[in-house]
Each structure stands twice: as structure tokens, then as C-alpha cells.
Protein backbone atom coordinates (compact mmCIF):
# COMPACT_ATOMS: atom_id res chain seq x y z
CA MET A 1 -41.55 -34.31 -5.12
CA CYS A 2 -41.89 -31.28 -7.36
CA LEU A 3 -45.00 -30.60 -9.36
CA GLY A 4 -45.37 -28.24 -12.27
CA VAL A 5 -48.82 -27.17 -13.37
CA THR A 6 -49.77 -25.96 -16.84
CA ALA A 7 -52.05 -22.93 -17.16
CA LYS A 8 -53.14 -20.31 -19.68
CA VAL A 9 -52.11 -16.68 -19.20
CA VAL A 10 -55.23 -14.50 -19.11
CA LYS A 11 -53.86 -11.19 -17.80
CA ILE A 12 -50.44 -9.56 -17.48
CA ASP A 13 -49.48 -6.66 -15.23
CA GLY A 14 -45.75 -6.01 -15.16
CA GLN A 15 -44.00 -9.09 -13.77
CA LYS A 16 -47.26 -10.57 -12.49
CA ALA A 17 -49.85 -12.52 -14.45
CA ASP A 18 -53.18 -14.17 -13.85
CA VAL A 19 -53.39 -17.71 -15.18
CA GLU A 20 -56.35 -20.06 -15.51
CA PHE A 21 -56.57 -23.80 -15.10
CA ASP A 22 -59.79 -25.79 -14.86
CA GLY A 23 -61.85 -22.72 -14.01
CA VAL A 24 -59.48 -21.49 -11.30
CA THR A 25 -57.58 -18.21 -11.69
CA GLN A 26 -54.29 -17.72 -9.85
CA ALA A 27 -51.81 -14.84 -9.68
CA ILE A 28 -48.22 -15.82 -10.49
CA SER A 29 -44.84 -14.24 -11.19
CA ILE A 30 -43.58 -14.10 -14.77
CA ALA A 31 -40.17 -12.75 -13.78
CA MET A 32 -38.54 -15.86 -15.29
CA THR A 33 -40.62 -15.68 -18.49
CA PRO A 34 -41.03 -11.95 -19.20
CA GLN A 35 -41.64 -12.59 -22.92
CA VAL A 36 -44.90 -14.51 -22.29
CA LYS A 37 -48.05 -13.11 -23.88
CA ILE A 38 -51.74 -13.30 -23.02
CA GLY A 39 -53.18 -16.50 -24.44
CA GLU A 40 -49.95 -18.48 -24.16
CA TYR A 41 -49.46 -21.41 -21.81
CA VAL A 42 -46.86 -21.67 -19.07
CA MET A 43 -45.53 -24.32 -16.74
CA ILE A 44 -45.85 -23.08 -13.16
CA HIS A 45 -43.87 -24.17 -10.12
CA ALA A 46 -43.97 -22.54 -6.68
CA GLY A 47 -45.88 -19.52 -8.00
CA PHE A 48 -43.50 -18.81 -10.89
CA ALA A 49 -43.94 -19.41 -14.61
CA ILE A 50 -40.79 -21.42 -15.32
CA SER A 51 -41.32 -21.98 -19.04
CA ILE A 52 -43.62 -21.23 -21.93
CA ILE A 53 -45.08 -24.33 -23.57
CA ASP A 54 -46.90 -24.83 -26.83
CA GLN A 55 -50.68 -25.10 -26.89
CA THR A 56 -50.83 -28.77 -27.93
CA GLN A 57 -48.53 -29.89 -25.14
CA ALA A 58 -50.37 -27.68 -22.66
CA GLU A 59 -53.78 -29.08 -23.59
CA GLU A 60 -52.50 -32.67 -23.37
CA THR A 61 -51.05 -31.98 -19.92
CA MET A 62 -54.22 -30.27 -18.68
CA ASP A 63 -56.33 -33.17 -19.97
CA LEU A 64 -54.15 -35.60 -18.00
CA PHE A 65 -54.55 -33.55 -14.82
CA LYS A 66 -58.32 -33.48 -15.31
CA GLU A 67 -58.38 -37.26 -15.77
CA ILE A 68 -56.34 -37.75 -12.60
CA LYS A 69 -58.72 -35.46 -10.73
CA LYS A 70 -61.72 -37.41 -12.02
CA MET A 71 -60.15 -40.74 -10.99
CA MET A 72 -59.38 -39.41 -7.50
CA GLU A 73 -62.95 -38.16 -7.08
CA GLU A 74 -64.32 -41.54 -8.16
CA GLU A 75 -61.98 -43.32 -5.77
CA GLN A 76 -63.10 -41.11 -2.87
CA ARG A 77 -66.74 -41.68 -3.76
CA ASP A 78 -66.25 -45.45 -3.82
CA ALA A 79 -64.37 -45.53 -0.49
């Protein structure tokens, strides 16, 4: 199974960028999306930004991931 994660670009240095999701910052490659700008959102897979996505879609996706995380934490707590 492949999983893409949505994150906000917070820093760019050449073909590398720092992105943030849920308080976690990660370094990624933007070689496939060199036109991305700070403040934009990207879909990340295997350490690469594979596409730029609009803010509304990004926020909806991040909210879903947060809800899944919350449900998993509740499930672990109840087990």
C-alpha cells in the first residue's frame, strides 16, 4: 500500500524543503515540484513532494489524518 501525506512547505533550500504536519517538521526533496513556494501545500510520498495541492484540499486531508490518529489513540487506550 502506498501512502501520500499532505504537508505545508515552511522552508526551501535548493531542491530540498522543510515541511510541517501536525507539529512535526521533515526535510523532503522538491526535485519533482521545483515551482513550489513557501506556504504552499504538497503531497509527499517516499520523501518526495509529488504534487502541489490547494490549501482547502490540504486542510481537509490533514483534518482526516488527525481524526484517524485520534481514533487510533482512543482504540489503544480502550484496549
